[in-house]
Structure formats: structure tokens, C-alpha cells
Amino acid sequence: MDNMSDILELPVHYQNEELVFGMEMINWGYTHRFKIIVNGLECFFEPDEEGVYRAVSEDYLKHASQDTELLKVIGETLGELMR
């Protein structure tokens, strides 16, 4: 994808651990989204109308034994960084 920027690191504090995820910011229409690899799968986060970042990747949400609390913490961390 030619509209991606460099891969950045997103440190997330979760269950008394400091996890670091690689992320890319993607221009998406009039807004943006972040591509983050979570548990080996691509997961996309984008802000909703209130500016809260939420996971929107159907593939990830369908096929992974994902930890929804981890996704919530990632979204909150993105929100803090973007303020």
C-alpha cells in the first residue's frame, strides 16, 4: 500500500507487562486508521465519531482467539497518543 507511513512502535501497558506493537498509520478518506499486528494477525483501529479508537478488522475479530480487553487497551493507548 503506497499510502502507508513508516512502521512505528506502540508501547501498551497490559496485565502488568509492557507490550510493544508495530503500527502503520493509513490515510482513510477524510480520516485515518492504524494497522497493528496483534497475535500475528492484522488488526485495524480507527476513531469513531467521538474520537475513540476501536478495532474494526473483521478478519481479525472473526478468526483470532483475540483478547477483547487487549484490543480495548490498544484503542485507549492510541487515543491518548492522538490527543
C-alpha atoms as a PDB file:
ATOM      1  CA  MET A   1       0.000   0.000   0.000  1.00  0.00           C
ATOM      2  CA  ASP A   2       1.574   3.233  -1.063  1.00  0.00           C
ATOM      3  CA  ASN A   3      -0.295   5.480   1.396  1.00  0.00           C
ATOM      4  CA  MET A   4       1.329   3.954   4.481  1.00  0.00           C
ATOM      5  CA  SER A   5       3.951   5.705   6.503  1.00  0.00           C
ATOM      6  CA  ASP A   6       6.867   4.088   8.266  1.00  0.00           C
ATOM      7  CA  ILE A   7       6.283   1.438  10.895  1.00  0.00           C
ATOM      8  CA  LEU A   8       6.118   2.991  14.347  1.00  0.00           C
ATOM      9  CA  GLU A   9       6.220   1.354  17.762  1.00  0.00           C
ATOM     10  CA  LEU A  10       3.207   1.471  20.064  1.00  0.00           C
ATOM     11  CA  PRO A  11       4.039   0.597  23.679  1.00  0.00           C
ATOM     12  CA  VAL A  12       0.998  -0.732  25.561  1.00  0.00           C
ATOM     13  CA  HIS A  13       0.803  -1.489  29.283  1.00  0.00           C
ATOM     14  CA  TYR A  14      -1.341  -4.602  29.679  1.00  0.00           C
ATOM     15  CA  GLN A  15      -1.655  -7.075  32.558  1.00  0.00           C
ATOM     16  CA  ASN A  16       1.465  -5.766  34.297  1.00  0.00           C
ATOM     17  CA  GLU A  17       3.507  -6.115  31.112  1.00  0.00           C
ATOM     18  CA  GLU A  18       4.853  -3.592  28.632  1.00  0.00           C
ATOM     19  CA  LEU A  19       3.970  -4.865  25.143  1.00  0.00           C
ATOM     20  CA  VAL A  20       5.256  -3.188  22.001  1.00  0.00           C
ATOM     21  CA  PHE A  21       3.320  -3.424  18.736  1.00  0.00           C
ATOM     22  CA  GLY A  22       4.413  -2.295  15.294  1.00  0.00           C
ATOM     23  CA  MET A  23       1.868   0.025  13.701  1.00  0.00           C
ATOM     24  CA  GLU A  24       1.336   1.921  10.486  1.00  0.00           C
ATOM     25  CA  MET A  25      -0.901   4.953  10.060  1.00  0.00           C
ATOM     26  CA  ILE A  26      -3.022   4.859   6.906  1.00  0.00           C
ATOM     27  CA  ASN A  27      -4.906   7.788   5.388  1.00  0.00           C
ATOM     28  CA  TRP A  28      -8.523   6.645   5.051  1.00  0.00           C
ATOM     29  CA  GLY A  29     -10.805   9.047   3.218  1.00  0.00           C
ATOM     30  CA  TYR A  30     -11.126  12.119   5.388  1.00  0.00           C
ATOM     31  CA  THR A  31      -9.730  10.335   8.418  1.00  0.00           C
ATOM     32  CA  HIS A  32      -7.113   7.691   9.208  1.00  0.00           C
ATOM     33  CA  ARG A  33      -6.716   4.234  10.655  1.00  0.00           C
ATOM     34  CA  PHE A  34      -3.895   2.285  12.202  1.00  0.00           C
ATOM     35  CA  LYS A  35      -2.769  -1.175  11.114  1.00  0.00           C
ATOM     36  CA  ILE A  36      -1.385  -3.095  14.076  1.00  0.00           C
ATOM     37  CA  ILE A  37      -0.264  -6.715  14.151  1.00  0.00           C
ATOM     38  CA  VAL A  38      -1.887  -8.349  17.202  1.00  0.00           C
ATOM     39  CA  ASN A  39      -1.139 -12.003  17.930  1.00  0.00           C
ATOM     40  CA  GLY A  40       0.218 -12.427  14.406  1.00  0.00           C
ATOM     41  CA  LEU A  41      -2.870 -11.009  12.637  1.00  0.00           C
ATOM     42  CA  GLU A  42      -3.536  -7.597  11.080  1.00  0.00           C
ATOM     43  CA  CYS A  43      -5.978  -5.544  13.084  1.00  0.00           C
ATOM     44  CA  PHE A  44      -7.195  -2.089  12.079  1.00  0.00           C
ATOM     45  CA  PHE A  45      -8.164   0.650  14.512  1.00  0.00           C
ATOM     46  CA  GLU A  46      -9.987   3.822  13.581  1.00  0.00           C
ATOM     47  CA  PRO A  47     -11.612   6.636  15.532  1.00  0.00           C
ATOM     48  CA  ASP A  48     -15.388   6.659  15.883  1.00  0.00           C
ATOM     49  CA  GLU A  49     -17.472   9.864  15.830  1.00  0.00           C
ATOM     50  CA  GLU A  50     -16.432  10.556  19.448  1.00  0.00           C
ATOM     51  CA  GLY A  51     -12.724  10.083  18.673  1.00  0.00           C
ATOM     52  CA  VAL A  52     -12.482   6.737  20.493  1.00  0.00           C
ATOM     53  CA  TYR A  53     -10.283   4.220  18.683  1.00  0.00           C
ATOM     54  CA  ARG A  54     -11.911   0.856  18.051  1.00  0.00           C
ATOM     55  CA  ALA A  55     -10.826  -2.355  16.353  1.00  0.00           C
ATOM     56  CA  VAL A  56     -12.598  -2.639  13.004  1.00  0.00           C
ATOM     57  CA  SER A  57     -10.836  -5.591  11.384  1.00  0.00           C
ATOM     58  CA  GLU A  58     -13.464  -8.198  10.554  1.00  0.00           C
ATOM     59  CA  ASP A  59     -10.845 -10.821   9.662  1.00  0.00           C
ATOM     60  CA  TYR A  60      -9.081 -10.445  12.991  1.00  0.00           C
ATOM     61  CA  LEU A  61     -12.281 -10.370  15.014  1.00  0.00           C
ATOM     62  CA  LYS A  62     -13.636 -13.497  13.266  1.00  0.00           C
ATOM     63  CA  HIS A  63     -10.585 -15.740  13.154  1.00  0.00           C
ATOM     64  CA  ALA A  64      -8.450 -14.937  16.160  1.00  0.00           C
ATOM     65  CA  SER A  65      -8.887 -16.116  19.672  1.00  0.00           C
ATOM     66  CA  GLN A  66      -8.455 -12.453  20.448  1.00  0.00           C
ATOM     67  CA  ASP A  67      -8.400 -10.872  23.833  1.00  0.00           C
ATOM     68  CA  THR A  68     -11.027  -8.133  23.629  1.00  0.00           C
ATOM     69  CA  GLU A  69      -9.566  -6.417  26.689  1.00  0.00           C
ATOM     70  CA  LEU A  70      -6.206  -6.135  24.903  1.00  0.00           C
ATOM     71  CA  LEU A  71      -7.932  -4.558  21.891  1.00  0.00           C
ATOM     72  CA  LYS A  72      -9.637  -2.068  24.202  1.00  0.00           C
ATOM     73  CA  VAL A  73      -6.324  -1.136  25.852  1.00  0.00           C
ATOM     74  CA  ILE A  74      -4.670  -0.692  22.444  1.00  0.00           C
ATOM     75  CA  GLY A  75      -7.517   1.610  21.385  1.00  0.00           C
ATOM     76  CA  GLU A  76      -7.230   3.642  24.603  1.00  0.00           C
ATOM     77  CA  THR A  77      -3.463   3.949  24.147  1.00  0.00           C
ATOM     78  CA  LEU A  78      -3.940   5.207  20.571  1.00  0.00           C
ATOM     79  CA  GLY A  79      -6.478   7.744  21.848  1.00  0.00           C
ATOM     80  CA  GLU A  80      -4.021   9.050  24.447  1.00  0.00           C
ATOM     81  CA  LEU A  81      -1.283   9.416  21.848  1.00  0.00           C
ATOM     82  CA  MET A  82      -3.522  11.257  19.390  1.00  0.00           C
ATOM     83  CA  ARG A  83      -4.769  13.874  21.853  1.00  0.00           C
END
